């Protein structure tokens, strides 16, 4: 299952990526993005519906890929069962236990939008302050 997400402030993050390009910062930005994606995944695992646990256990963050225009990180669910993950994610009529949601990935992604760029910048600044 894949959901394409574009964050507000993405242009600011791309500008930061370009500004730091060639200064060894691509790895720092990619690592920061990877950490943020893992936080989103962890929040999604709290609300993912659980029957036997296969869907919850299938959640992954793929390693970052750097491009000239920026960094890409994918948060995925399903693996070989991607069709099942997508079906669960799109079914508002399904009955789930309290605290679980069919939009188990969309909700944490939407919550992350508000602080996404600042979270990445904060992590980069911490790295720089540590002498990186």
Protein backbone atom coordinates (compact mmCIF):
# COMPACT_ATOMS: atom_id res chain seq x y z
CA UNK A 1 0.00 0.00 0.00
CA UNK A 2 1.41 3.39 -0.90
CA UNK A 3 0.08 6.86 -0.24
CA UNK A 4 1.80 9.81 -1.86
CA UNK A 5 2.08 12.72 0.53
CA UNK A 6 3.29 16.22 -0.15
CA UNK A 7 3.80 18.45 2.85
CA UNK A 8 3.26 22.16 3.15
CA UNK A 9 6.71 23.66 3.42
CA UNK A 10 8.17 21.05 1.08
CA UNK A 11 9.73 23.88 -0.93
CA UNK A 12 11.41 25.18 2.23
CA UNK A 13 12.83 21.73 2.87
CA UNK A 14 14.03 21.47 -0.73
CA UNK A 15 15.70 24.88 -0.35
CA UNK A 16 17.43 23.66 2.81
CA UNK A 17 18.54 20.53 0.98
CA UNK A 18 19.98 22.59 -1.89
CA UNK A 19 21.64 25.06 0.49
CA UNK A 20 23.37 22.26 2.38
CA UNK A 21 24.19 20.26 -0.75
CA UNK A 22 27.86 19.52 -1.14
CA UNK A 23 28.50 20.20 2.54
CA UNK A 24 27.88 16.64 3.70
CA UNK A 25 24.42 17.57 4.89
CA UNK A 26 22.49 15.33 2.51
CA UNK A 27 23.02 12.43 4.90
CA UNK A 28 21.93 14.49 7.90
CA UNK A 29 18.76 15.64 6.16
CA UNK A 30 18.03 12.11 4.92
CA UNK A 31 18.55 10.70 8.42
CA UNK A 32 16.32 13.40 9.90
CA UNK A 33 13.58 12.62 7.40
CA UNK A 34 13.95 8.90 8.14
CA UNK A 35 13.59 9.57 11.89
CA UNK A 36 10.47 11.67 11.33
CA UNK A 37 8.98 8.95 9.10
CA UNK A 38 9.63 6.38 11.84
CA UNK A 39 7.78 8.59 14.33
CA UNK A 40 4.80 8.67 11.95
CA UNK A 41 4.97 4.88 11.56
CA UNK A 42 5.10 4.35 15.33
CA UNK A 43 2.04 6.58 15.81
CA UNK A 44 0.21 4.71 13.06
CA UNK A 45 0.93 1.35 14.70
CA UNK A 46 -0.98 2.54 17.76
CA UNK A 47 -4.19 2.97 15.75
CA UNK A 48 -3.82 0.30 13.05
CA UNK A 49 -6.64 -2.27 13.27
CA UNK A 50 -5.43 -5.62 14.59
CA UNK A 51 -6.99 -8.98 13.87
CA UNK A 52 -4.01 -11.32 13.86
CA UNK A 53 -1.32 -8.64 13.78
CA UNK A 54 -0.04 -9.22 10.26
CA UNK A 55 -1.00 -5.76 9.08
CA UNK A 56 0.55 -4.04 12.10
CA UNK A 57 3.73 -6.10 11.77
CA UNK A 58 4.04 -5.24 8.08
CA UNK A 59 4.58 -1.49 8.69
CA UNK A 60 7.99 -0.31 7.46
CA UNK A 61 9.95 2.82 6.68
CA UNK A 62 12.17 2.33 3.65
CA UNK A 63 15.67 3.81 3.80
CA UNK A 64 15.93 7.33 2.39
CA UNK A 65 16.77 7.90 -1.26
CA UNK A 66 18.52 11.14 -2.16
CA UNK A 67 17.86 12.91 -5.45
CA UNK A 68 19.03 16.25 -6.80
CA UNK A 69 15.64 17.72 -5.86
CA UNK A 70 15.49 16.32 -2.33
CA UNK A 71 15.09 13.17 -0.27
CA UNK A 72 12.36 10.53 -0.46
CA UNK A 73 11.30 8.21 2.35
CA UNK A 74 8.44 5.74 2.01
CA UNK A 75 6.23 4.51 4.83
CA UNK A 76 4.57 1.27 3.76
CA UNK A 77 2.14 -1.30 5.07
CA UNK A 78 1.22 -4.67 3.65
CA UNK A 79 4.32 -6.04 1.97
CA UNK A 80 2.97 -9.07 0.14
CA UNK A 81 -0.45 -8.13 1.50
CA UNK A 82 -0.46 -4.58 0.12
CA UNK A 83 -3.92 -5.04 -1.40
CA UNK A 84 -5.29 -6.04 2.02
CA UNK A 85 -3.62 -3.02 3.68
CA UNK A 86 -5.11 -0.68 1.07
CA UNK A 87 -8.55 -2.26 1.47
CA UNK A 88 -8.46 -1.78 5.27
CA UNK A 89 -7.21 1.80 4.90
CA UNK A 90 -10.05 2.72 2.56
CA UNK A 91 -12.98 1.06 4.36
CA UNK A 92 -14.83 3.47 6.68
CA UNK A 93 -17.59 0.90 7.28
CA UNK A 94 -15.34 -1.72 8.84
CA UNK A 95 -15.82 -2.28 12.57
CA UNK A 96 -12.66 -1.83 14.64
CA UNK A 97 -11.85 -1.94 18.32
CA UNK A 98 -11.94 1.41 20.17
CA UNK A 99 -8.88 3.54 19.44
CA UNK A 100 -8.24 1.84 16.09
CA UNK A 101 -8.92 3.47 12.73
CA UNK A 102 -9.19 2.49 9.10
CA UNK A 103 -7.12 5.61 8.31
CA UNK A 104 -4.25 4.27 10.37
CA UNK A 105 -1.59 5.93 8.20
CA UNK A 106 -3.42 9.03 6.98
CA UNK A 107 -4.19 10.31 10.49
CA UNK A 108 -0.58 10.35 11.76
CA UNK A 109 0.65 11.77 8.45
CA UNK A 110 -1.89 14.59 8.68
CA UNK A 111 -0.82 15.29 12.27
CA UNK A 112 2.84 15.41 11.21
CA UNK A 113 2.13 18.06 8.55
CA UNK A 114 2.01 20.87 11.12
CA UNK A 115 5.53 20.30 12.43
CA UNK A 116 7.23 18.40 9.62
CA UNK A 117 9.61 21.05 8.27
CA UNK A 118 10.45 22.37 11.73
CA UNK A 119 11.17 18.84 12.98
CA UNK A 120 13.65 18.28 10.15
CA UNK A 121 15.28 21.68 10.71
CA UNK A 122 15.52 21.00 14.46
CA UNK A 123 17.29 17.71 13.86
CA UNK A 124 19.72 19.32 11.42
CA UNK A 125 20.49 22.10 13.93
CA UNK A 126 21.12 19.55 16.70
CA UNK A 127 23.59 17.80 14.41
CA UNK A 128 25.36 21.07 13.61
CA UNK A 129 25.56 22.03 17.29
CA UNK A 130 27.16 18.66 18.03
CA UNK A 131 29.96 19.64 15.68
CA UNK A 132 28.78 17.71 12.63
